[in-house]
PDB file of N, CA and C in Angstrom:
ATOM      1  N   MET A   1       0.953   1.912   8.545  1.00  0.00           N
ATOM      2  CA  MET A   1       0.186   0.839   9.119  1.00  0.00           C
ATOM      3  C   MET A   1      -0.562  -0.411   8.350  1.00  0.00           C
ATOM      4  N   ARG A   2      -0.271   0.151   6.808  1.00  0.00           N
ATOM      5  CA  ARG A   2      -0.710  -1.115   6.423  1.00  0.00           C
ATOM      6  C   ARG A   2       0.469  -2.459   6.310  1.00  0.00           C
ATOM      7  N   ASN A   3       1.644  -2.006   6.664  1.00  0.00           N
ATOM      8  CA  ASN A   3       2.100  -3.345   6.454  1.00  0.00           C
ATOM      9  C   ASN A   3       1.891  -4.057   7.775  1.00  0.00           C
ATOM     10  N   LEU A   4       2.046  -3.317   8.633  1.00  0.00           N
ATOM     11  CA  LEU A   4       0.951  -3.840  10.197  1.00  0.00           C
ATOM     12  C   LEU A   4       0.396  -4.699   9.856  1.00  0.00           C
ATOM     13  N   PHE A   5      -0.893  -3.950   9.794  1.00  0.00           N
ATOM     14  CA  PHE A   5      -2.073  -4.576   9.303  1.00  0.00           C
ATOM     15  C   PHE A   5      -1.986  -6.120   8.840  1.00  0.00           C
ATOM     16  N   VAL A   6      -1.311  -5.798   7.660  1.00  0.00           N
ATOM     17  CA  VAL A   6      -1.373  -7.182   6.668  1.00  0.00           C
ATOM     18  C   VAL A   6      -0.431  -8.241   7.464  1.00  0.00           C
ATOM     19  N   THR A   7       0.374  -7.946   7.854  1.00  0.00           N
ATOM     20  CA  THR A   7       1.261  -8.808   9.083  1.00  0.00           C
ATOM     21  C   THR A   7       0.341  -9.506  10.182  1.00  0.00           C
ATOM     22  N   LEU A   8      -0.481  -8.299  10.703  1.00  0.00           N
ATOM     23  CA  LEU A   8      -1.201  -9.272  11.835  1.00  0.00           C
ATOM     24  C   LEU A   8      -2.587  -9.543  11.963  1.00  0.00           C
ATOM     25  N   LEU A   9      -3.290  -9.161  10.553  1.00  0.00           N
ATOM     26  CA  LEU A   9      -4.503  -9.730  10.403  1.00  0.00           C
ATOM     27  C   LEU A   9      -4.563 -11.148  10.210  1.00  0.00           C
ATOM     28  N   PRO A  10      -3.792 -12.138   9.605  1.00  0.00           N
ATOM     29  CA  PRO A  10      -3.479 -13.025   9.558  1.00  0.00           C
ATOM     30  C   PRO A  10      -3.568 -13.794  10.895  1.00  0.00           C
ATOM     31  N   LEU A  11      -3.245 -13.683  11.997  1.00  0.00           N
ATOM     32  CA  LEU A  11      -3.199 -13.620  13.282  1.00  0.00           C
ATOM     33  C   LEU A  11      -4.866 -13.858  13.393  1.00  0.00           C
ATOM     34  N   MET A  12      -5.370 -12.891  13.528  1.00  0.00           N
ATOM     35  CA  MET A  12      -6.803 -13.111  14.229  1.00  0.00           C
ATOM     36  C   MET A  12      -7.664 -13.385  13.112  1.00  0.00           C
ATOM     37  N   ALA A  13      -7.362 -13.502  11.817  1.00  0.00           N
ATOM     38  CA  ALA A  13      -8.321 -14.652  11.021  1.00  0.00           C
ATOM     39  C   ALA A  13      -8.230 -15.768  10.703  1.00  0.00           C
ATOM     40  N   MET A  14      -6.848 -16.990  11.546  1.00  0.00           N
ATOM     41  CA  MET A  14      -6.647 -17.768  11.358  1.00  0.00           C
ATOM     42  C   MET A  14      -6.619 -17.787   9.961  1.00  0.00           C
ATOM     43  N   CYS A  15      -5.797 -17.555   9.338  1.00  0.00           N
ATOM     44  CA  CYS A  15      -5.315 -18.010   7.501  1.00  0.00           C
ATOM     45  C   CYS A  15      -3.775 -17.853   7.555  1.00  0.00           C
ATOM     46  N   ASP A  16      -3.573 -17.595   6.210  1.00  0.00           N
ATOM     47  CA  ASP A  16      -1.889 -17.431   5.875  1.00  0.00           C
ATOM     48  C   ASP A  16      -1.708 -16.526   5.751  1.00  0.00           C
ATOM     49  N   PRO A  17      -0.796 -15.694   5.438  1.00  0.00           N
ATOM     50  CA  PRO A  17      -0.168 -14.211   5.366  1.00  0.00           C
ATOM     51  C   PRO A  17      -0.146 -14.017   3.629  1.00  0.00           C
ATOM     52  N   ALA A  18      -0.457 -15.288   3.433  1.00  0.00           N
ATOM     53  CA  ALA A  18      -0.660 -15.156   1.311  1.00  0.00           C
ATOM     54  C   ALA A  18      -1.930 -15.144   0.736  1.00  0.00           C
ATOM     55  N   ASP A  19      -2.820 -15.031   1.751  1.00  0.00           N
ATOM     56  CA  ASP A  19      -4.320 -15.218   1.699  1.00  0.00           C
ATOM     57  C   ASP A  19      -4.435 -13.549   1.954  1.00  0.00           C
ATOM     58  N   LEU A  20      -4.002 -12.845   2.208  1.00  0.00           N
ATOM     59  CA  LEU A  20      -4.257 -11.299   2.269  1.00  0.00           C
ATOM     60  C   LEU A  20      -3.063 -10.112   1.574  1.00  0.00           C
ATOM     61  N   GLY A  21      -4.035  -9.585   1.256  1.00  0.00           N
ATOM     62  CA  GLY A  21      -3.097  -8.407   0.833  1.00  0.00           C
ATOM     63  C   GLY A  21      -3.843  -7.101   0.949  1.00  0.00           C
ATOM     64  N   GLY A  22      -3.055  -5.712   0.877  1.00  0.00           N
ATOM     65  CA  GLY A  22      -3.552  -4.889   1.312  1.00  0.00           C
ATOM     66  C   GLY A  22      -2.736  -3.836   0.359  1.00  0.00           C
ATOM     67  N   MET A  23      -3.428  -2.583  -0.142  1.00  0.00           N
ATOM     68  CA  MET A  23      -2.725  -1.084  -0.233  1.00  0.00           C
ATOM     69  C   MET A  23      -3.321   0.049  -0.153  1.00  0.00           C
ATOM     70  N   ILE A  24      -2.293   1.055  -0.353  1.00  0.00           N
ATOM     71  CA  ILE A  24      -3.203   2.001   0.333  1.00  0.00           C
ATOM     72  C   ILE A  24      -3.151   2.961  -1.782  1.00  0.00           C
ATOM     73  N   ASP A  25      -4.204   3.719  -1.329  1.00  0.00           N
ATOM     74  CA  ASP A  25      -4.509   4.374  -2.651  1.00  0.00           C
ATOM     75  C   ASP A  25      -5.582   5.450  -2.326  1.00  0.00           C
ATOM     76  N   SER A  26      -5.385   6.409  -3.522  1.00  0.00           N
ATOM     77  CA  SER A  26      -6.083   7.878  -3.147  1.00  0.00           C
ATOM     78  C   SER A  26      -7.150   7.887  -4.246  1.00  0.00           C
ATOM     79  N   SER A  27      -7.104   7.109  -5.074  1.00  0.00           N
ATOM     80  CA  SER A  27      -7.888   7.712  -5.953  1.00  0.00           C
ATOM     81  C   SER A  27      -9.512   7.607  -6.105  1.00  0.00           C
ATOM     82  N   ASN A  28      -9.765   6.882  -5.140  1.00  0.00           N
ATOM     83  CA  ASN A  28     -11.299   6.406  -4.991  1.00  0.00           C
ATOM     84  C   ASN A  28     -11.989   7.260  -3.784  1.00  0.00           C
ATOM     85  N   LEU A  29     -11.220   7.449  -2.918  1.00  0.00           N
ATOM     86  CA  LEU A  29     -11.465   8.790  -2.041  1.00  0.00           C
ATOM     87  C   LEU A  29     -11.389   9.819  -1.861  1.00  0.00           C
ATOM     88  N   GLY A  30     -10.558  10.073  -3.017  1.00  0.00           N
ATOM     89  CA  GLY A  30      -9.653  11.573  -2.807  1.00  0.00           C
ATOM     90  C   GLY A  30      -8.550  11.950  -1.580  1.00  0.00           C
ATOM     91  N   ARG A  31      -8.694  11.135  -0.862  1.00  0.00           N
ATOM     92  CA  ARG A  31      -7.730  10.732   0.201  1.00  0.00           C
ATOM     93  C   ARG A  31      -6.752   9.728   0.416  1.00  0.00           C
ATOM     94  N   PRO A  32      -5.736   9.212   0.840  1.00  0.00           N
ATOM     95  CA  PRO A  32      -4.939   7.713   1.450  1.00  0.00           C
ATOM     96  C   PRO A  32      -6.290   7.368   2.174  1.00  0.00           C
ATOM     97  N   GLY A  33      -6.531   6.079   1.569  1.00  0.00           N
ATOM     98  CA  GLY A  33      -7.226   5.430   1.980  1.00  0.00           C
ATOM     99  C   GLY A  33      -6.259   3.352   2.082  1.00  0.00           C
ATOM    100  N   ILE A  34      -6.426   3.014   3.107  1.00  0.00           N
ATOM    101  CA  ILE A  34      -6.054   1.589   3.579  1.00  0.00           C
ATOM    102  C   ILE A  34      -6.809   0.335   3.087  1.00  0.00           C
ATOM    103  N   PHE A  35      -6.768  -0.455   2.193  1.00  0.00           N
ATOM    104  CA  PHE A  35      -7.179  -1.197   1.300  1.00  0.00           C
ATOM    105  C   PHE A  35      -6.677  -2.636   1.645  1.00  0.00           C
ATOM    106  N   LEU A  36      -7.370  -3.724   2.662  1.00  0.00           N
ATOM    107  CA  LEU A  36      -7.448  -4.944   2.707  1.00  0.00           C
ATOM    108  C   LEU A  36      -7.880  -5.812   2.053  1.00  0.00           C
ATOM    109  N   PHE A  37      -7.978  -6.643   1.634  1.00  0.00           N
ATOM    110  CA  PHE A  37      -8.416  -7.701   0.604  1.00  0.00           C
ATOM    111  C   PHE A  37      -8.070  -9.070   0.752  1.00  0.00           C
ATOM    112  N   ASP A  38      -8.720 -10.385   0.157  1.00  0.00           N
ATOM    113  CA  ASP A  38      -8.891 -11.728   0.063  1.00  0.00           C
ATOM    114  C   ASP A  38      -7.996 -11.646  -0.948  1.00  0.00           C
ATOM    115  N   ARG A  39      -6.785 -12.520  -1.202  1.00  0.00           N
ATOM    116  CA  ARG A  39      -6.367 -13.051  -2.704  1.00  0.00           C
ATOM    117  C   ARG A  39      -6.864 -13.718  -2.984  1.00  0.00           C
ATOM    118  N   TYR A  40      -8.546 -14.010  -2.940  1.00  0.00           N
ATOM    119  CA  TYR A  40      -9.158 -15.059  -3.747  1.00  0.00           C
ATOM    120  C   TYR A  40     -10.395 -14.036  -4.444  1.00  0.00           C
ATOM    121  N   PRO A  41     -10.247 -15.164  -6.033  1.00  0.00           N
ATOM    122  CA  PRO A  41     -11.665 -14.111  -6.554  1.00  0.00           C
ATOM    123  C   PRO A  41     -13.044 -14.252  -5.488  1.00  0.00           C
ATOM    124  N   GLY A  42     -13.424 -13.579  -5.287  1.00  0.00           N
ATOM    125  CA  GLY A  42     -14.963 -13.948  -4.309  1.00  0.00           C
ATOM    126  C   GLY A  42     -14.915 -13.425  -2.749  1.00  0.00           C
ATOM    127  N   GLY A  43     -13.048 -13.777  -2.215  1.00  0.00           N
ATOM    128  CA  GLY A  43     -13.167 -13.738  -1.328  1.00  0.00           C
ATOM    129  C   GLY A  43     -13.270 -15.257  -0.373  1.00  0.00           C
ATOM    130  N   LEU A  44     -12.883 -14.823   0.599  1.00  0.00           N
ATOM    131  CA  LEU A  44     -12.836 -15.732   1.580  1.00  0.00           C
ATOM    132  C   LEU A  44     -13.419 -15.204   2.961  1.00  0.00           C
ATOM    133  N   GLY A  45     -13.212 -14.068   3.514  1.00  0.00           N
ATOM    134  CA  GLY A  45     -13.951 -13.481   4.547  1.00  0.00           C
ATOM    135  C   GLY A  45     -12.556 -12.978   5.386  1.00  0.00           C
ATOM    136  N   PHE A  46     -11.458 -13.449   5.214  1.00  0.00           N
ATOM    137  CA  PHE A  46     -10.488 -12.541   5.733  1.00  0.00           C
ATOM    138  C   PHE A  46     -10.657 -11.396   6.195  1.00  0.00           C
ATOM    139  N   ALA A  47     -10.131 -10.213   5.128  1.00  0.00           N
ATOM    140  CA  ALA A  47     -10.396  -9.636   5.240  1.00  0.00           C
ATOM    141  C   ALA A  47     -11.765  -8.697   5.737  1.00  0.00           C
ATOM    142  N   GLU A  48     -12.717  -9.176   5.697  1.00  0.00           N
ATOM    143  CA  GLU A  48     -13.895  -9.009   6.080  1.00  0.00           C
ATOM    144  C   GLU A  48     -14.060  -9.083   7.651  1.00  0.00           C
ATOM    145  N   GLN A  49     -13.425  -9.895   8.347  1.00  0.00           N
ATOM    146  CA  GLN A  49     -12.528 -10.472   9.510  1.00  0.00           C
ATOM    147  C   GLN A  49     -12.342  -9.324  10.294  1.00  0.00           C
ATOM    148  N   GLY A  50     -11.396  -8.495   9.316  1.00  0.00           N
ATOM    149  CA  GLY A  50     -10.256  -7.388   9.679  1.00  0.00           C
ATOM    150  C   GLY A  50     -11.702  -6.129   9.951  1.00  0.00           C
ATOM    151  N   TYR A  51     -11.955  -5.917   9.204  1.00  0.00           N
ATOM    152  CA  TYR A  51     -13.069  -5.037   9.380  1.00  0.00           C
ATOM    153  C   TYR A  51     -13.825  -4.998  10.378  1.00  0.00           C
ATOM    154  N   ALA A  52     -14.293  -6.231  10.901  1.00  0.00           N
ATOM    155  CA  ALA A  52     -15.031  -6.177  11.953  1.00  0.00           C
ATOM    156  C   ALA A  52     -14.462  -6.182  13.542  1.00  0.00           C
ATOM    157  N   ARG A  53     -13.201  -6.512  13.585  1.00  0.00           N
ATOM    158  CA  ARG A  53     -12.228  -6.336  14.265  1.00  0.00           C
ATOM    159  C   ARG A  53     -11.011  -4.701  14.497  1.00  0.00           C
ATOM    160  N   LEU A  54     -11.569  -4.060  13.756  1.00  0.00           N
ATOM    161  CA  LEU A  54     -10.728  -2.831  13.191  1.00  0.00           C
ATOM    162  C   LEU A  54     -10.190  -2.391  14.330  1.00  0.00           C
ATOM    163  N   ASP A  55     -10.808  -1.915  15.052  1.00  0.00           N
ATOM    164  CA  ASP A  55     -10.108  -1.425  16.311  1.00  0.00           C
ATOM    165  C   ASP A  55      -8.762  -2.629  17.156  1.00  0.00           C
ATOM    166  N   GLU A  56      -9.403  -3.451  17.349  1.00  0.00           N
ATOM    167  CA  GLU A  56      -8.521  -4.614  17.628  1.00  0.00           C
ATOM    168  C   GLU A  56      -7.259  -4.736  17.031  1.00  0.00           C
ATOM    169  N   LEU A  57      -7.720  -4.749  15.652  1.00  0.00           N
ATOM    170  CA  LEU A  57      -6.355  -4.522  14.544  1.00  0.00           C
ATOM    171  C   LEU A  57      -5.271  -3.321  14.899  1.00  0.00           C
ATOM    172  N   ALA A  58      -6.065  -2.473  15.046  1.00  0.00           N
ATOM    173  CA  ALA A  58      -5.260  -1.210  15.591  1.00  0.00           C
ATOM    174  C   ALA A  58      -4.798  -1.111  16.314  1.00  0.00           C
ATOM    175  N   GLU A  59      -5.052  -1.782  17.887  1.00  0.00           N
ATOM    176  CA  GLU A  59      -4.619  -1.996  19.003  1.00  0.00           C
ATOM    177  C   GLU A  59      -3.311  -2.532  18.902  1.00  0.00           C
ATOM    178  N   ALA A  60      -3.652  -3.754  18.334  1.00  0.00           N
ATOM    179  CA  ALA A  60      -2.428  -5.115  18.226  1.00  0.00           C
ATOM    180  C   ALA A  60      -1.384  -4.358  17.511  1.00  0.00           C
ATOM    181  N   ALA A  61      -1.772  -3.306  16.342  1.00  0.00           N
ATOM    182  CA  ALA A  61      -0.703  -2.894  15.539  1.00  0.00           C
ATOM    183  C   ALA A  61      -0.198  -1.679  16.277  1.00  0.00           C
ATOM    184  N   HIS A  62      -0.638  -1.107  17.343  1.00  0.00           N
ATOM    185  CA  HIS A  62       0.405  -0.018  17.860  1.00  0.00           C
ATOM    186  C   HIS A  62       1.060  -0.932  19.108  1.00  0.00           C
ATOM    187  N   ALA A  63       0.329  -1.773  19.692  1.00  0.00           N
ATOM    188  CA  ALA A  63       1.513  -2.749  20.514  1.00  0.00           C
ATOM    189  C   ALA A  63       2.526  -3.241  20.075  1.00  0.00           C
ATOM    190  N   HIS A  64       2.597  -3.911  19.093  1.00  0.00           N
ATOM    191  CA  HIS A  64       3.857  -4.589  17.978  1.00  0.00           C
ATOM    192  C   HIS A  64       4.780  -3.341  17.576  1.00  0.00           C
ATOM    193  N   LEU A  65       4.295  -1.700  17.189  1.00  0.00           N
ATOM    194  CA  LEU A  65       5.050  -0.996  17.101  1.00  0.00           C
ATOM    195  C   LEU A  65       5.821  -0.526  18.023  1.00  0.00           C
ATOM    196  N   VAL A  66       5.364  -0.603  19.265  1.00  0.00           N
ATOM    197  CA  VAL A  66       5.723  -0.037  20.900  1.00  0.00           C
ATOM    198  C   VAL A  66       6.769  -1.384  20.891  1.00  0.00           C
ATOM    199  N   GLY A  67       6.299  -2.643  21.261  1.00  0.00           N
ATOM    200  CA  GLY A  67       7.197  -3.168  21.561  1.00  0.00           C
ATOM    201  C   GLY A  67       8.514  -3.685  21.218  1.00  0.00           C
ATOM    202  N   CYS A  68       8.437  -2.489  19.814  1.00  0.00           N
ATOM    203  CA  CYS A  68       9.826  -3.139  18.731  1.00  0.00           C
ATOM    204  C   CYS A  68      10.763  -2.361  19.390  1.00  0.00           C
ATOM    205  N   PRO A  69      12.043  -2.828  19.998  1.00  0.00           N
ATOM    206  CA  PRO A  69      13.152  -1.913  20.063  1.00  0.00           C
ATOM    207  C   PRO A  69      14.071  -1.080  19.327  1.00  0.00           C
ATOM    208  N   CYS A  70      13.580  -1.305  17.975  1.00  0.00           N
ATOM    209  CA  CYS A  70      14.695  -0.581  17.100  1.00  0.00           C
ATOM    210  C   CYS A  70      14.048   1.154  17.100  1.00  0.00           C
ATOM    211  N   GLY A  71      14.557   2.239  16.635  1.00  0.00           N
ATOM    212  CA  GLY A  71      14.256   3.737  17.106  1.00  0.00           C
ATOM    213  C   GLY A  71      13.450   4.445  16.273  1.00  0.00           C
ATOM    214  N   ASP A  72      13.605   4.091  14.671  1.00  0.00           N
ATOM    215  CA  ASP A  72      13.061   4.546  13.528  1.00  0.00           C
ATOM    216  C   ASP A  72      12.195   3.494  13.011  1.00  0.00           C
ATOM    217  N   GLY A  73      12.676   2.588  12.473  1.00  0.00           N
ATOM    218  CA  GLY A  73      11.843   1.519  11.808  1.00  0.00           C
ATOM    219  C   GLY A  73      12.147   0.286  11.723  1.00  0.00           C
ATOM    220  N   CYS A  74      11.686  -0.585  11.170  1.00  0.00           N
ATOM    221  CA  CYS A  74      12.637  -1.788  10.701  1.00  0.00           C
ATOM    222  C   CYS A  74      12.062  -2.550  10.255  1.00  0.00           C
ATOM    223  N   PRO A  75      12.283  -3.916   9.285  1.00  0.00           N
ATOM    224  CA  PRO A  75      11.477  -4.955   8.101  1.00  0.00           C
ATOM    225  C   PRO A  75      10.600  -5.876   9.644  1.00  0.00           C
ATOM    226  N   ALA A  76      11.050  -5.958  10.983  1.00  0.00           N
ATOM    227  CA  ALA A  76      10.182  -6.531  11.665  1.00  0.00           C
ATOM    228  C   ALA A  76       8.927  -5.852  12.991  1.00  0.00           C
ATOM    229  N   CYS A  77       9.105  -4.366  12.393  1.00  0.00           N
ATOM    230  CA  CYS A  77       8.482  -3.737  13.078  1.00  0.00           C
ATOM    231  C   CYS A  77       7.234  -3.019  11.984  1.00  0.00           C
ATOM    232  N   VAL A  78       7.849  -2.444  10.716  1.00  0.00           N
ATOM    233  CA  VAL A  78       7.107  -1.221  10.165  1.00  0.00           C
ATOM    234  C   VAL A  78       6.972  -2.141   8.675  1.00  0.00           C
ATOM    235  N   GLY A  79       7.696  -2.912   8.703  1.00  0.00           N
ATOM    236  CA  GLY A  79       7.750  -3.925   7.330  1.00  0.00           C
ATOM    237  C   GLY A  79       8.615  -2.914   6.096  1.00  0.00           C
ATOM    238  N   THR A  80       8.879  -3.575   5.003  1.00  0.00           N
ATOM    239  CA  THR A  80       9.943  -3.222   3.933  1.00  0.00           C
ATOM    240  C   THR A  80       8.883  -2.103   3.114  1.00  0.00           C
ATOM    241  N   PRO A  81       9.576  -1.503   2.260  1.00  0.00           N
ATOM    242  CA  PRO A  81       8.662  -0.682   1.461  1.00  0.00           C
ATOM    243  C   PRO A  81       8.250  -1.775   0.270  1.00  0.00           C
ATOM    244  N   ILE A  82       7.165  -1.025  -0.127  1.00  0.00           N
ATOM    245  CA  ILE A  82       6.023  -1.966  -1.046  1.00  0.00           C
ATOM    246  C   ILE A  82       6.601  -1.408  -2.281  1.00  0.00           C
ATOM    247  N   TYR A  83       6.511  -2.309  -3.186  1.00  0.00           N
ATOM    248  CA  TYR A  83       7.087  -1.846  -5.066  1.00  0.00           C
ATOM    249  C   TYR A  83       5.920  -2.179  -5.481  1.00  0.00           C
ATOM    250  N   ARG A  84       5.250  -1.278  -6.635  1.00  0.00           N
ATOM    251  CA  ARG A  84       4.757  -1.262  -7.613  1.00  0.00           C
ATOM    252  C   ARG A  84       5.002  -1.008  -8.640  1.00  0.00           C
ATOM    253  N   PRO A  85       5.309  -1.627 -10.144  1.00  0.00           N
ATOM    254  CA  PRO A  85       4.843  -3.312 -10.188  1.00  0.00           C
ATOM    255  C   PRO A  85       5.951  -3.825  -8.906  1.00  0.00           C
ATOM    256  N   ALA A  86       5.715  -4.746  -8.625  1.00  0.00           N
ATOM    257  CA  ALA A  86       6.474  -5.509  -7.738  1.00  0.00           C
ATOM    258  C   ALA A  86       8.124  -5.797  -8.245  1.00  0.00           C
ATOM    259  N   GLN A  87       9.283  -5.541  -7.195  1.00  0.00           N
ATOM    260  CA  GLN A  87      10.727  -5.989  -7.695  1.00  0.00           C
ATOM    261  C   GLN A  87      11.450  -6.719  -7.035  1.00  0.00           C
ATOM    262  N   GLN A  88      12.590  -7.160  -7.377  1.00  0.00           N
ATOM    263  CA  GLN A  88      13.213  -7.529  -6.080  1.00  0.00           C
ATOM    264  C   GLN A  88      13.182  -6.775  -4.927  1.00  0.00           C
ATOM    265  N   GLN A  89      12.691  -7.430  -3.590  1.00  0.00           N
ATOM    266  CA  GLN A  89      13.265  -6.456  -2.288  1.00  0.00           C
ATOM    267  C   GLN A  89      13.893  -6.387  -1.251  1.00  0.00           C
ATOM    268  N   ASP A  90      15.135  -7.370  -1.788  1.00  0.00           N
ATOM    269  CA  ASP A  90      16.106  -7.275  -1.058  1.00  0.00           C
ATOM    270  C   ASP A  90      17.236  -5.993  -1.205  1.00  0.00           C
ATOM    271  N   LEU A  91      16.907  -5.242   0.010  1.00  0.00           N
ATOM    272  CA  LEU A  91      17.204  -3.751  -0.107  1.00  0.00           C
ATOM    273  C   LEU A  91      18.614  -3.745   0.366  1.00  0.00           C
ATOM    274  N   ASP A  92      19.448  -4.646   0.583  1.00  0.00           N
ATOM    275  CA  ASP A  92      20.806  -4.869   0.601  1.00  0.00           C
ATOM    276  C   ASP A  92      21.484  -4.836  -0.785  1.00  0.00           C
ATOM    277  N   ALA A  93      20.827  -5.583  -1.546  1.00  0.00           N
ATOM    278  CA  ALA A  93      21.400  -5.627  -2.908  1.00  0.00           C
ATOM    279  C   ALA A  93      20.547  -4.872  -3.912  1.00  0.00           C
ATOM    280  N   MET A  94      19.713  -4.115  -3.648  1.00  0.00           N
ATOM    281  CA  MET A  94      19.329  -2.635  -4.441  1.00  0.00           C
ATOM    282  C   MET A  94      20.627  -1.333  -4.405  1.00  0.00           C
ATOM    283  N   LYS A  95      20.675  -0.788  -5.486  1.00  0.00           N
ATOM    284  CA  LYS A  95      21.452   0.318  -5.607  1.00  0.00           C
ATOM    285  C   LYS A  95      20.967   1.187  -5.235  1.00  0.00           C
ATOM    286  N   LYS A  96      19.335   1.902  -5.384  1.00  0.00           N
ATOM    287  CA  LYS A  96      18.815   2.924  -4.852  1.00  0.00           C
ATOM    288  C   LYS A  96      17.690   2.135  -3.846  1.00  0.00           C
ATOM    289  N   ALA A  97      18.109   1.445  -2.797  1.00  0.00           N
ATOM    290  CA  ALA A  97      16.952   1.429  -1.975  1.00  0.00           C
ATOM    291  C   ALA A  97      15.735   2.118  -1.284  1.00  0.00           C
ATOM    292  N   ARG A  98      14.563   1.906  -1.527  1.00  0.00           N
ATOM    293  CA  ARG A  98      13.803   3.435  -0.790  1.00  0.00           C
ATOM    294  C   ARG A  98      14.066   3.041   0.953  1.00  0.00           C
ATOM    295  N   ASP A  99      14.060   3.963   1.385  1.00  0.00           N
ATOM    296  CA  ASP A  99      13.720   3.702   2.744  1.00  0.00           C
ATOM    297  C   ASP A  99      13.008   3.151   3.938  1.00  0.00           C
ATOM    298  N   ILE A 100      13.638   2.502   4.696  1.00  0.00           N
ATOM    299  CA  ILE A 100      12.183   1.668   5.195  1.00  0.00           C
ATOM    300  C   ILE A 100      10.875   2.426   6.040  1.00  0.00           C
ATOM    301  N   PRO A 101       9.775   2.225   5.990  1.00  0.00           N
ATOM    302  CA  PRO A 101       8.431   3.149   6.447  1.00  0.00           C
ATOM    303  C   PRO A 101       8.963   3.272   7.861  1.00  0.00           C
ATOM    304  N   GLY A 102       8.849   4.564   7.960  1.00  0.00           N
ATOM    305  CA  GLY A 102       9.452   5.134   9.155  1.00  0.00           C
ATOM    306  C   GLY A 102       8.008   5.008  10.842  1.00  0.00           C
ATOM    307  N   LYS A 103       8.587   4.436  11.323  1.00  0.00           N
ATOM    308  CA  LYS A 103       7.865   4.081  13.143  1.00  0.00           C
ATOM    309  C   LYS A 103       7.160   5.537  13.451  1.00  0.00           C
ATOM    310  N   ALA A 104       7.812   6.474  13.148  1.00  0.00           N
ATOM    311  CA  ALA A 104       7.201   7.256  14.294  1.00  0.00           C
ATOM    312  C   ALA A 104       6.029   8.180  13.240  1.00  0.00           C
ATOM    313  N   ALA A 105       5.682   7.779  12.264  1.00  0.00           N
ATOM    314  CA  ALA A 105       4.427   8.371  11.330  1.00  0.00           C
ATOM    315  C   ALA A 105       3.644   6.929  11.497  1.00  0.00           C
ATOM    316  N   ALA A 106       4.168   5.969  11.104  1.00  0.00           N
ATOM    317  CA  ALA A 106       2.778   4.836  11.623  1.00  0.00           C
ATOM    318  C   ALA A 106       2.446   4.501  13.301  1.00  0.00           C
ATOM    319  N   ARG A 107       3.463   5.358  14.175  1.00  0.00           N
ATOM    320  CA  ARG A 107       3.205   5.485  15.266  1.00  0.00           C
ATOM    321  C   ARG A 107       2.179   6.843  15.676  1.00  0.00           C
ATOM    322  N   ALA A 108       2.783   8.175  15.435  1.00  0.00           N
ATOM    323  CA  ALA A 108       1.336   8.806  15.128  1.00  0.00           C
ATOM    324  C   ALA A 108       0.227   8.773  14.517  1.00  0.00           C
ATOM    325  N   MET A 109      -0.239   7.410  13.469  1.00  0.00           N
ATOM    326  CA  MET A 109      -1.345   7.301  12.767  1.00  0.00           C
ATOM    327  C   MET A 109      -2.290   6.402  13.563  1.00  0.00           C
ATOM    328  N   LEU A 110      -1.520   5.464  13.909  1.00  0.00           N
ATOM    329  CA  LEU A 110      -1.984   5.028  14.856  1.00  0.00           C
ATOM    330  C   LEU A 110      -2.821   5.419  16.485  1.00  0.00           C
ATOM    331  N   GLU A 111      -2.083   6.135  17.037  1.00  0.00           N
ATOM    332  CA  GLU A 111      -2.441   6.965  17.788  1.00  0.00           C
ATOM    333  C   GLU A 111      -3.187   8.117  18.002  1.00  0.00           C
ATOM    334  N   GLY A 112      -3.591   8.266  16.744  1.00  0.00           N
ATOM    335  CA  GLY A 112      -5.020   9.300  16.536  1.00  0.00           C
ATOM    336  C   GLY A 112      -5.872   8.454  16.568  1.00  0.00           C
ATOM    337  N   TRP A 113      -5.787   7.331  15.663  1.00  0.00           N
ATOM    338  CA  TRP A 113      -6.831   6.310  15.452  1.00  0.00           C
ATOM    339  C   TRP A 113      -7.484   5.860  16.539  1.00  0.00           C
ATOM    340  N   LEU A 114      -6.023   5.544  17.228  1.00  0.00           N
ATOM    341  CA  LEU A 114      -7.062   4.684  18.747  1.00  0.00           C
ATOM    342  C   LEU A 114      -7.888   5.947  19.657  1.00  0.00           C
ATOM    343  N   SER A 115      -6.972   7.018  19.736  1.00  0.00           N
ATOM    344  CA  SER A 115      -7.533   8.360  20.361  1.00  0.00           C
ATOM    345  C   SER A 115      -9.000   8.759  20.201  1.00  0.00           C
ATOM    346  N   ARG A 116      -9.886   8.627  19.078  1.00  0.00           N
ATOM    347  CA  ARG A 116     -11.094   8.815  18.128  1.00  0.00           C
ATOM    348  C   ARG A 116     -12.190   7.849  19.051  1.00  0.00           C
ATOM    349  N   LYS A 117     -11.580   6.758  19.627  1.00  0.00           N
ATOM    350  CA  LYS A 117     -12.424   5.557  20.015  1.00  0.00           C
ATOM    351  C   LYS A 117     -13.526   5.990  21.111  1.00  0.00           C
TER     352      LYS A 117
END
């Protein structure tokens, strides 16, 4: 979901994808949470637009995911793994490449989110 949100929010906020970042962290909430943020000190309001349009963003992420013809997930729909600290992300060149994030898991989370509306 994080990858989908970071990919689709720039289309809604009318900004460059490099203007936004996102991460999943559980240290502040005690459970995993998605944090989207502007990549400028003090922010420019792009992530705030994501918060204001969160349900619309989740619907767009679900439509994007469902519209992808792949079976299990691919870089075009669920993105690639995020490395902390940042590393070379050419999955074909890495000897121990991490798996692509799961399409079924992202779909289940989004459908759970959207069913609560």
